[in-house]
Amino acid sequence: MNREPVGALCRGAGCARRGASEDGGPAARPVPAGAALCEACRARLVRELAGLPGLYEECGRLLGGSERSQERVSGGPLPGMPFNAAASEARSAILGVLGSWSGLVADERRLRATPPREPAPMTRFLLLHAGWLAGHPAADALSREVAKAVRRARHVIEPVAPRRVAVGACVEAGCRGGLTVTLRPGDTSPTAITCDTDPAHHWPGSQWLGLGRRIAAARRDEGAARVRWLGAGDIARLWGIAPGSVYRHASERGWRRLSRSGRTYYHEADVQETLESRTGTAKTG
């Protein structure tokens, strides 16, 4: 019985990150004859290549030190503004990948015309030769280098995804929804607690602990409520105060603290007693 020869397995960025398949087979996909990448990794390479100029520009808007892309900054950071080294390094990495592979294409294909050393023209040049590159013996290296540059830039643009924290069941009578609070890294503005069923049910983040008491009271028959410990960053966002004020209050009022994985957390009751008295917030529950 004749068997078709098993082709080479792809070593592109996508296949390199795949977990083992459920049936225990290889994680990498086979590549078509005459190619060095599977169809999925080739499509990913083209897609990520095309996105590099945009990522380069996004990082450029962050050179002035901001953690998020807001207003465009041309010509580097404004005088007196902090310099975002991570954004600069991500841009350099993008230029390095595009420049080295544009040079490889030009040399090996004996091309006289080469693109300017700028992201947009180099990207257009590489996309024009994407078919040739997909069959190059080093196509897997190109795939992984482009993917790494993309991940690096995206981490600079959006360092950490927003974190949604469950507060508990909605406390409004008759509502079967759940309450959550969204904590966004780098955002020091006060956050809000919202109901996933009725958007009219919402509270300022400073009432998180008070709502927790009401929820615990409603479930008292299920046992004592678990003590919650809050990080300084979360306290700052919930109450709309500077992180430095959190540490000052903790020191002056002797907040109980818990150390875990190198981070310090504060007892919810101590936090609430101090900050509610400071702001005059009406206690709920």
C-alpha atoms as a PDB file:
ATOM      1  CA  MET A   1       0.000   0.000   0.000  1.00  0.00           C
ATOM      2  CA  ASN A   2       1.534   3.288  -1.120  1.00  0.00           C
ATOM      3  CA  ARG A   3       1.573   6.219   1.289  1.00  0.00           C
ATOM      4  CA  GLU A   4       2.006   9.876   0.373  1.00  0.00           C
ATOM      5  CA  PRO A   5       5.241  11.309   1.760  1.00  0.00           C
ATOM      6  CA  VAL A   6       4.815  13.408   4.873  1.00  0.00           C
ATOM      7  CA  GLY A   7       5.742  17.021   4.152  1.00  0.00           C
ATOM      8  CA  ALA A   8       7.845  19.279   6.364  1.00  0.00           C
ATOM      9  CA  LEU A   9       6.188  20.890   9.351  1.00  0.00           C
ATOM     10  CA  CYS A  10       5.782  24.635   9.608  1.00  0.00           C
ATOM     11  CA  ARG A  11       7.958  26.565  12.044  1.00  0.00           C
ATOM     12  CA  GLY A  12       6.227  29.902  11.599  1.00  0.00           C
ATOM     13  CA  ALA A  13       5.052  32.137  14.427  1.00  0.00           C
ATOM     14  CA  GLY A  14       1.573  30.688  14.583  1.00  0.00           C
ATOM     15  CA  CYS A  15       2.656  27.054  14.659  1.00  0.00           C
ATOM     16  CA  ALA A  16       5.415  27.815  17.151  1.00  0.00           C
ATOM     17  CA  ARG A  17       2.780  29.007  19.635  1.00  0.00           C
ATOM     18  CA  ARG A  18       0.249  26.275  19.075  1.00  0.00           C
ATOM     19  CA  GLY A  19      -0.355  23.799  21.822  1.00  0.00           C
ATOM     20  CA  ALA A  20      -0.362  20.075  21.171  1.00  0.00           C
ATOM     21  CA  SER A  21      -3.486  18.921  19.361  1.00  0.00           C
ATOM     22  CA  GLU A  22      -6.151  16.969  21.241  1.00  0.00           C
ATOM     23  CA  ASP A  23      -5.307  13.712  19.459  1.00  0.00           C
ATOM     24  CA  GLY A  24      -1.656  13.953  20.455  1.00  0.00           C
ATOM     25  CA  GLY A  25      -0.477  14.866  16.949  1.00  0.00           C
ATOM     26  CA  PRO A  26       2.156  17.502  16.134  1.00  0.00           C
ATOM     27  CA  ALA A  27       1.376  21.076  17.068  1.00  0.00           C
ATOM     28  CA  ALA A  28       2.787  22.436  13.795  1.00  0.00           C
ATOM     29  CA  ARG A  29       0.920  22.254  10.490  1.00  0.00           C
ATOM     30  CA  PRO A  30       2.406  20.739   7.320  1.00  0.00           C
ATOM     31  CA  VAL A  31       3.655  23.145   4.656  1.00  0.00           C
ATOM     32  CA  PRO A  32       2.675  22.958   0.972  1.00  0.00           C
ATOM     33  CA  ALA A  33       5.254  21.795  -1.566  1.00  0.00           C
ATOM     34  CA  GLY A  34       7.748  24.533  -2.392  1.00  0.00           C
ATOM     35  CA  ALA A  35       6.790  26.636   0.631  1.00  0.00           C
ATOM     36  CA  ALA A  36       8.388  27.208   4.014  1.00  0.00           C
ATOM     37  CA  LEU A  37       5.235  28.289   5.850  1.00  0.00           C
ATOM     38  CA  CYS A  38       1.800  26.740   6.197  1.00  0.00           C
ATOM     39  CA  GLU A  39      -1.126  28.691   4.770  1.00  0.00           C
ATOM     40  CA  ALA A  40      -2.185  29.974   8.199  1.00  0.00           C
ATOM     41  CA  CYS A  41       1.278  31.280   9.105  1.00  0.00           C
ATOM     42  CA  ARG A  42       1.704  32.807   5.655  1.00  0.00           C
ATOM     43  CA  ALA A  43      -1.606  34.667   6.032  1.00  0.00           C
ATOM     44  CA  ARG A  44      -0.565  35.782   9.511  1.00  0.00           C
ATOM     45  CA  LEU A  45       2.792  37.033   8.218  1.00  0.00           C
ATOM     46  CA  VAL A  46       1.123  39.139   5.516  1.00  0.00           C
ATOM     47  CA  ARG A  47      -1.426  40.506   7.985  1.00  0.00           C
ATOM     48  CA  GLU A  48       1.146  41.409  10.629  1.00  0.00           C
ATOM     49  CA  LEU A  49       3.546  42.881   8.080  1.00  0.00           C
ATOM     50  CA  ALA A  50       0.795  45.134   6.781  1.00  0.00           C
ATOM     51  CA  GLY A  51       0.101  46.358  10.314  1.00  0.00           C
ATOM     52  CA  LEU A  52       3.675  47.329  11.225  1.00  0.00           C
ATOM     53  CA  PRO A  53       3.565  50.914   9.862  1.00  0.00           C
ATOM     54  CA  GLY A  54       0.445  51.627  11.912  1.00  0.00           C
ATOM     55  CA  LEU A  55       2.036  50.218  15.068  1.00  0.00           C
ATOM     56  CA  TYR A  56       5.143  52.302  14.374  1.00  0.00           C
ATOM     57  CA  GLU A  57       2.992  55.443  14.239  1.00  0.00           C
ATOM     58  CA  GLU A  58       1.061  54.487  17.391  1.00  0.00           C
ATOM     59  CA  CYS A  59       4.310  54.051  19.313  1.00  0.00           C
ATOM     60  CA  GLY A  60       5.473  57.402  17.958  1.00  0.00           C
ATOM     61  CA  ARG A  61       2.509  59.078  19.635  1.00  0.00           C
ATOM     62  CA  LEU A  62       3.700  57.688  22.953  1.00  0.00           C
ATOM     63  CA  LEU A  63       7.251  59.021  22.793  1.00  0.00           C
ATOM     64  CA  GLY A  64       6.332  61.829  25.175  1.00  0.00           C
ATOM     65  CA  GLY A  65       5.888  59.404  28.065  1.00  0.00           C
ATOM     66  CA  SER A  66       2.133  58.770  28.003  1.00  0.00           C
ATOM     67  CA  GLU A  67       1.039  55.201  28.645  1.00  0.00           C
ATOM     68  CA  ARG A  68      -1.721  55.412  26.033  1.00  0.00           C
ATOM     69  CA  SER A  69      -2.064  56.784  22.539  1.00  0.00           C
ATOM     70  CA  GLN A  70      -3.853  60.128  22.631  1.00  0.00           C
ATOM     71  CA  GLU A  71      -2.781  63.167  20.661  1.00  0.00           C
ATOM     72  CA  ARG A  72      -0.257  62.726  17.884  1.00  0.00           C
ATOM     73  CA  VAL A  73       3.266  63.772  18.771  1.00  0.00           C
ATOM     74  CA  SER A  74       5.458  64.662  15.792  1.00  0.00           C
ATOM     75  CA  GLY A  75       9.172  65.194  16.004  1.00  0.00           C
ATOM     76  CA  GLY A  76       9.604  63.413  19.308  1.00  0.00           C
ATOM     77  CA  PRO A  77       8.564  64.373  22.836  1.00  0.00           C
ATOM     78  CA  LEU A  78       7.753  67.947  23.765  1.00  0.00           C
ATOM     79  CA  PRO A  79      10.323  69.869  25.824  1.00  0.00           C
ATOM     80  CA  GLY A  80      10.128  68.904  29.464  1.00  0.00           C
ATOM     81  CA  MET A  81       8.116  65.747  28.791  1.00  0.00           C
ATOM     82  CA  PRO A  82       9.450  62.346  29.937  1.00  0.00           C
ATOM     83  CA  PHE A  83      10.788  60.100  27.180  1.00  0.00           C
ATOM     84  CA  ASN A  84       9.081  56.757  26.614  1.00  0.00           C
ATOM     85  CA  ALA A  85      12.038  54.431  26.072  1.00  0.00           C
ATOM     86  CA  ALA A  86       9.837  51.379  25.511  1.00  0.00           C
ATOM     87  CA  ALA A  87       8.014  53.106  22.646  1.00  0.00           C
ATOM     88  CA  SER A  88      11.331  54.140  21.086  1.00  0.00           C
ATOM     89  CA  GLU A  89      12.709  50.596  21.347  1.00  0.00           C
ATOM     90  CA  ALA A  90       9.558  49.138  19.797  1.00  0.00           C
ATOM     91  CA  ARG A  91       9.903  51.526  16.850  1.00  0.00           C
ATOM     92  CA  SER A  92      13.561  50.607  16.445  1.00  0.00           C
ATOM     93  CA  ALA A  93      12.652  46.919  16.448  1.00  0.00           C
ATOM     94  CA  ILE A  94      10.084  47.465  13.688  1.00  0.00           C
ATOM     95  CA  LEU A  95      12.582  49.420  11.589  1.00  0.00           C
ATOM     96  CA  GLY A  96      15.230  46.759  12.182  1.00  0.00           C
ATOM     97  CA  VAL A  97      13.022  43.884  11.009  1.00  0.00           C
ATOM     98  CA  LEU A  98      11.759  45.739   7.950  1.00  0.00           C
ATOM     99  CA  GLY A  99      15.220  47.006   7.047  1.00  0.00           C
ATOM    100  CA  SER A 100      17.067  43.699   7.356  1.00  0.00           C
ATOM    101  CA  TRP A 101      14.522  41.721   5.351  1.00  0.00           C
ATOM    102  CA  SER A 102      14.180  44.405   2.690  1.00  0.00           C
ATOM    103  CA  GLY A 103      17.949  44.208   2.307  1.00  0.00           C
ATOM    104  CA  LEU A 104      17.827  40.414   2.040  1.00  0.00           C
ATOM    105  CA  VAL A 105      15.182  40.563  -0.703  1.00  0.00           C
ATOM    106  CA  ALA A 106      17.093  43.208  -2.637  1.00  0.00           C
ATOM    107  CA  ASP A 107      20.399  41.304  -2.400  1.00  0.00           C
ATOM    108  CA  GLU A 108      19.145  37.824  -3.201  1.00  0.00           C
ATOM    109  CA  ARG A 109      16.808  38.937  -5.972  1.00  0.00           C
ATOM    110  CA  ARG A 110      19.488  41.299  -7.378  1.00  0.00           C
ATOM    111  CA  LEU A 111      17.225  44.325  -7.320  1.00  0.00           C
ATOM    112  CA  ARG A 112      18.669  47.747  -7.959  1.00  0.00           C
ATOM    113  CA  ALA A 113      15.757  49.758  -6.564  1.00  0.00           C
ATOM    114  CA  THR A 114      15.437  49.538  -2.804  1.00  0.00           C
ATOM    115  CA  PRO A 115      12.834  51.269  -0.638  1.00  0.00           C
ATOM    116  CA  PRO A 116      13.635  54.218   1.646  1.00  0.00           C
ATOM    117  CA  ARG A 117      14.334  53.222   5.241  1.00  0.00           C
ATOM    118  CA  GLU A 118      10.844  54.110   6.393  1.00  0.00           C
ATOM    119  CA  PRO A 119       8.151  51.703   7.628  1.00  0.00           C
ATOM    120  CA  ALA A 120       5.506  52.289   4.943  1.00  0.00           C
ATOM    121  CA  PRO A 121       7.685  51.908   1.813  1.00  0.00           C
ATOM    122  CA  MET A 122       9.648  48.979   3.253  1.00  0.00           C
ATOM    123  CA  THR A 123       6.410  47.227   4.166  1.00  0.00           C
ATOM    124  CA  ARG A 124       4.999  47.729   0.660  1.00  0.00           C
ATOM    125  CA  PHE A 125       8.243  46.349  -0.749  1.00  0.00           C
ATOM    126  CA  LEU A 126       8.112  43.218   1.410  1.00  0.00           C
ATOM    127  CA  LEU A 127       4.426  42.628   0.689  1.00  0.00           C
ATOM    128  CA  LEU A 128       5.190  42.869  -3.029  1.00  0.00           C
ATOM    129  CA  HIS A 129       7.634  39.984  -2.563  1.00  0.00           C
ATOM    130  CA  ALA A 130       5.545  38.097   0.009  1.00  0.00           C
ATOM    131  CA  GLY A 131       5.139  35.057  -2.276  1.00  0.00           C
ATOM    132  CA  TRP A 132       8.888  34.744  -2.747  1.00  0.00           C
ATOM    133  CA  LEU A 133       9.521  35.263   0.954  1.00  0.00           C
ATOM    134  CA  ALA A 134       7.029  32.543   1.920  1.00  0.00           C
ATOM    135  CA  GLY A 135       9.169  30.026   0.015  1.00  0.00           C
ATOM    136  CA  HIS A 136      12.499  31.267   1.370  1.00  0.00           C
ATOM    137  CA  PRO A 137      14.325  28.814   3.675  1.00  0.00           C
ATOM    138  CA  ALA A 138      14.385  31.500   6.382  1.00  0.00           C
ATOM    139  CA  ALA A 139      10.692  32.400   6.078  1.00  0.00           C
ATOM    140  CA  ASP A 140      10.014  30.914   9.518  1.00  0.00           C
ATOM    141  CA  ALA A 141      12.549  33.301  11.047  1.00  0.00           C
ATOM    142  CA  LEU A 142      10.892  36.248   9.293  1.00  0.00           C
ATOM    143  CA  SER A 143       7.507  35.108  10.575  1.00  0.00           C
ATOM    144  CA  ARG A 144       8.730  34.908  14.162  1.00  0.00           C
ATOM    145  CA  GLU A 145      10.621  38.225  14.018  1.00  0.00           C
ATOM    146  CA  VAL A 146       7.595  40.091  12.671  1.00  0.00           C
ATOM    147  CA  ALA A 147       5.328  38.505  15.288  1.00  0.00           C
ATOM    148  CA  LYS A 148       7.762  39.483  18.049  1.00  0.00           C
ATOM    149  CA  ALA A 149       7.894  43.089  16.814  1.00  0.00           C
ATOM    150  CA  VAL A 150       4.099  43.197  16.735  1.00  0.00           C
ATOM    151  CA  ARG A 151       3.787  41.829  20.285  1.00  0.00           C
ATOM    152  CA  ARG A 152       6.354  44.295  21.567  1.00  0.00           C
ATOM    153  CA  ALA A 153       4.610  47.280  19.997  1.00  0.00           C
ATOM    154  CA  ARG A 154       1.174  46.198  21.173  1.00  0.00           C
ATOM    155  CA  HIS A 155       2.462  45.769  24.715  1.00  0.00           C
ATOM    156  CA  VAL A 156       3.689  49.377  24.623  1.00  0.00           C
ATOM    157  CA  ILE A 157       0.434  50.699  23.174  1.00  0.00           C
ATOM    158  CA  GLU A 158      -1.830  48.742  25.543  1.00  0.00           C
ATOM    159  CA  PRO A 159       0.387  47.360  28.346  1.00  0.00           C
ATOM    160  CA  VAL A 160      -2.252  45.422  30.263  1.00  0.00           C
ATOM    161  CA  ALA A 161      -5.839  44.652  29.413  1.00  0.00           C
ATOM    162  CA  PRO A 162      -8.533  46.155  31.645  1.00  0.00           C
ATOM    163  CA  ARG A 163      -9.385  43.928  34.595  1.00  0.00           C
ATOM    164  CA  ARG A 164     -13.016  43.212  35.461  1.00  0.00           C
ATOM    165  CA  VAL A 165     -13.628  42.367  39.114  1.00  0.00           C
ATOM    166  CA  ALA A 166     -16.883  40.790  40.257  1.00  0.00           C
ATOM    167  CA  VAL A 167     -18.489  42.607  43.209  1.00  0.00           C
ATOM    168  CA  GLY A 168     -21.463  40.296  43.658  1.00  0.00           C
ATOM    169  CA  ALA A 169     -25.175  40.125  42.935  1.00  0.00           C
ATOM    170  CA  CYS A 170     -26.976  43.396  42.219  1.00  0.00           C
ATOM    171  CA  VAL A 171     -28.469  44.838  45.413  1.00  0.00           C
ATOM    172  CA  GLU A 172     -31.465  46.468  43.739  1.00  0.00           C
ATOM    173  CA  ALA A 173     -34.725  44.750  44.653  1.00  0.00           C
ATOM    174  CA  GLY A 174     -35.886  42.266  42.061  1.00  0.00           C
ATOM    175  CA  CYS A 175     -32.743  42.566  39.904  1.00  0.00           C
ATOM    176  CA  ARG A 176     -31.009  39.310  38.971  1.00  0.00           C
ATOM    177  CA  GLY A 177     -27.923  40.953  37.501  1.00  0.00           C
ATOM    178  CA  GLY A 178     -24.342  40.918  38.697  1.00  0.00           C
ATOM    179  CA  LEU A 179     -22.181  43.885  39.686  1.00  0.00           C
ATOM    180  CA  THR A 180     -18.688  44.364  38.278  1.00  0.00           C
ATOM    181  CA  VAL A 181     -16.038  47.059  38.437  1.00  0.00           C
ATOM    182  CA  THR A 182     -13.535  47.622  35.600  1.00  0.00           C
ATOM    183  CA  LEU A 183      -9.976  48.602  36.560  1.00  0.00           C
ATOM    184  CA  ARG A 184      -7.923  50.053  33.719  1.00  0.00           C
ATOM    185  CA  PRO A 185      -4.110  50.163  34.090  1.00  0.00           C
ATOM    186  CA  GLY A 186      -2.731  53.679  34.139  1.00  0.00           C
ATOM    187  CA  ASP A 187      -6.173  55.234  34.580  1.00  0.00           C
ATOM    188  CA  THR A 188      -6.395  57.112  37.879  1.00  0.00           C
ATOM    189  CA  SER A 189      -9.886  58.497  37.312  1.00  0.00           C
ATOM    190  CA  PRO A 190     -12.648  57.192  39.593  1.00  0.00           C
ATOM    191  CA  THR A 191     -14.231  54.052  38.236  1.00  0.00           C
ATOM    192  CA  ALA A 192     -17.825  52.878  38.480  1.00  0.00           C
ATOM    193  CA  ILE A 193     -19.657  49.746  39.558  1.00  0.00           C
ATOM    194  CA  THR A 194     -22.206  48.650  36.986  1.00  0.00           C
ATOM    195  CA  CYS A 195     -24.916  46.021  36.705  1.00  0.00           C
ATOM    196  CA  ASP A 196     -24.671  43.665  33.742  1.00  0.00           C
ATOM    197  CA  THR A 197     -28.476  43.510  33.468  1.00  0.00           C
ATOM    198  CA  ASP A 198     -29.687  47.056  34.066  1.00  0.00           C
ATOM    199  CA  PRO A 199     -27.283  49.950  33.255  1.00  0.00           C
ATOM    200  CA  ALA A 200     -29.405  52.229  35.456  1.00  0.00           C
ATOM    201  CA  HIS A 201     -28.023  50.317  38.444  1.00  0.00           C
ATOM    202  CA  HIS A 202     -24.605  51.864  39.004  1.00  0.00           C
ATOM    203  CA  TRP A 203     -22.562  53.299  41.867  1.00  0.00           C
ATOM    204  CA  PRO A 204     -19.244  55.163  42.204  1.00  0.00           C
ATOM    205  CA  GLY A 205     -16.269  52.941  42.822  1.00  0.00           C
ATOM    206  CA  SER A 206     -15.892  54.368  46.325  1.00  0.00           C
ATOM    207  CA  GLN A 207     -19.029  52.438  47.342  1.00  0.00           C
ATOM    208  CA  TRP A 208     -17.565  49.057  46.359  1.00  0.00           C
ATOM    209  CA  LEU A 209     -16.929  48.039  49.946  1.00  0.00           C
ATOM    210  CA  GLY A 210     -20.291  49.281  51.195  1.00  0.00           C
ATOM    211  CA  LEU A 211     -22.072  47.302  48.480  1.00  0.00           C
ATOM    212  CA  GLY A 212     -20.036  44.303  49.515  1.00  0.00           C
ATOM    213  CA  ARG A 213     -21.398  44.615  53.045  1.00  0.00           C
ATOM    214  CA  ARG A 214     -24.955  44.670  51.742  1.00  0.00           C
ATOM    215  CA  ILE A 215     -24.312  41.617  49.593  1.00  0.00           C
ATOM    216  CA  ALA A 216     -22.723  39.791  52.523  1.00  0.00           C
ATOM    217  CA  ALA A 217     -25.651  40.693  54.777  1.00  0.00           C
ATOM    218  CA  ALA A 218     -28.067  39.239  52.237  1.00  0.00           C
ATOM    219  CA  ARG A 219     -26.100  35.980  52.237  1.00  0.00           C
ATOM    220  CA  ARG A 220     -25.402  35.766  55.959  1.00  0.00           C
ATOM    221  CA  ASP A 221     -27.121  32.415  56.146  1.00  0.00           C
ATOM    222  CA  GLU A 222     -24.337  30.994  53.941  1.00  0.00           C
ATOM    223  CA  GLY A 223     -21.588  31.791  56.426  1.00  0.00           C
ATOM    224  CA  ALA A 224     -19.333  34.675  57.360  1.00  0.00           C
ATOM    225  CA  ALA A 225     -18.268  36.996  54.576  1.00  0.00           C
ATOM    226  CA  ARG A 226     -14.705  36.615  53.350  1.00  0.00           C
ATOM    227  CA  VAL A 227     -12.369  39.504  54.128  1.00  0.00           C
ATOM    228  CA  ARG A 228     -11.171  41.311  51.028  1.00  0.00           C
ATOM    229  CA  TRP A 229      -7.715  42.784  50.618  1.00  0.00           C
ATOM    230  CA  LEU A 230      -7.170  45.666  48.199  1.00  0.00           C
ATOM    231  CA  GLY A 231      -4.018  46.777  46.384  1.00  0.00           C
ATOM    232  CA  ALA A 232      -2.921  50.424  46.463  1.00  0.00           C
ATOM    233  CA  GLY A 233      -3.569  50.865  42.742  1.00  0.00           C
ATOM    234  CA  ASP A 234      -7.103  49.543  43.039  1.00  0.00           C
ATOM    235  CA  ILE A 235      -7.825  51.791  46.034  1.00  0.00           C
ATOM    236  CA  ALA A 236      -6.518  54.821  44.133  1.00  0.00           C
ATOM    237  CA  ARG A 237      -8.750  54.110  41.134  1.00  0.00           C
ATOM    238  CA  LEU A 238     -11.847  53.265  43.180  1.00  0.00           C
ATOM    239  CA  TRP A 239     -11.631  56.411  45.297  1.00  0.00           C
ATOM    240  CA  GLY A 240     -10.083  58.743  42.707  1.00  0.00           C
ATOM    241  CA  ILE A 241      -7.034  59.633  44.807  1.00  0.00           C
ATOM    242  CA  ALA A 242      -3.306  59.574  44.131  1.00  0.00           C
ATOM    243  CA  PRO A 243      -1.406  56.358  44.995  1.00  0.00           C
ATOM    244  CA  GLY A 244       0.792  58.413  47.308  1.00  0.00           C
ATOM    245  CA  SER A 245      -2.256  59.337  49.347  1.00  0.00           C
ATOM    246  CA  VAL A 246      -3.090  55.657  49.733  1.00  0.00           C
ATOM    247  CA  TYR A 247       0.317  54.916  51.245  1.00  0.00           C
ATOM    248  CA  ARG A 248       0.071  57.973  53.504  1.00  0.00           C
ATOM    249  CA  HIS A 249      -3.330  56.955  54.845  1.00  0.00           C
ATOM    250  CA  ALA A 250      -2.140  53.370  55.346  1.00  0.00           C
ATOM    251  CA  SER A 251       0.823  54.574  57.390  1.00  0.00           C
ATOM    252  CA  GLU A 252      -0.988  57.227  59.414  1.00  0.00           C
ATOM    253  CA  ARG A 253      -4.058  55.105  60.208  1.00  0.00           C
ATOM    254  CA  GLY A 254      -2.225  51.822  60.680  1.00  0.00           C
ATOM    255  CA  TRP A 255      -4.127  49.827  58.063  1.00  0.00           C
ATOM    256  CA  ARG A 256      -3.804  46.081  58.405  1.00  0.00           C
ATOM    257  CA  ARG A 257      -1.788  44.723  55.523  1.00  0.00           C
ATOM    258  CA  LEU A 258      -1.077  41.458  53.757  1.00  0.00           C
ATOM    259  CA  SER A 259       1.991  40.705  51.633  1.00  0.00           C
ATOM    260  CA  ARG A 260       1.515  38.355  48.696  1.00  0.00           C
ATOM    261  CA  SER A 261       3.925  37.703  45.799  1.00  0.00           C
ATOM    262  CA  GLY A 262       5.895  40.838  46.628  1.00  0.00           C
ATOM    263  CA  ARG A 263       2.823  43.105  46.660  1.00  0.00           C
ATOM    264  CA  THR A 264       1.067  44.713  49.614  1.00  0.00           C
ATOM    265  CA  TYR A 265      -2.703  44.573  50.117  1.00  0.00           C
ATOM    266  CA  TYR A 266      -4.807  46.445  52.709  1.00  0.00           C
ATOM    267  CA  HIS A 267      -7.792  45.302  54.790  1.00  0.00           C
ATOM    268  CA  GLU A 268     -11.061  46.496  53.244  1.00  0.00           C
ATOM    269  CA  ALA A 269     -12.592  47.610  56.580  1.00  0.00           C
ATOM    270  CA  ASP A 270      -9.621  49.868  57.382  1.00  0.00           C
ATOM    271  CA  VAL A 271      -9.704  51.372  53.899  1.00  0.00           C
ATOM    272  CA  GLN A 272     -13.406  52.081  54.053  1.00  0.00           C
ATOM    273  CA  GLU A 273     -13.353  53.568  57.550  1.00  0.00           C
ATOM    274  CA  THR A 274     -10.610  56.012  56.602  1.00  0.00           C
ATOM    275  CA  LEU A 275     -11.778  57.037  53.149  1.00  0.00           C
ATOM    276  CA  GLU A 276     -15.476  57.288  53.928  1.00  0.00           C
ATOM    277  CA  SER A 277     -14.742  59.580  56.868  1.00  0.00           C
ATOM    278  CA  ARG A 278     -12.370  61.590  54.681  1.00  0.00           C
ATOM    279  CA  THR A 279     -14.881  62.169  51.875  1.00  0.00           C
ATOM    280  CA  GLY A 280     -18.054  62.145  53.946  1.00  0.00           C
ATOM    281  CA  THR A 281     -19.452  59.381  51.750  1.00  0.00           C
ATOM    282  CA  ALA A 282     -22.715  58.002  53.084  1.00  0.00           C
ATOM    283  CA  LYS A 283     -22.304  54.466  54.238  1.00  0.00           C
ATOM    284  CA  THR A 284     -24.394  51.884  52.489  1.00  0.00           C
ATOM    285  CA  GLY A 285     -25.587  48.998  54.638  1.00  0.00           C
END
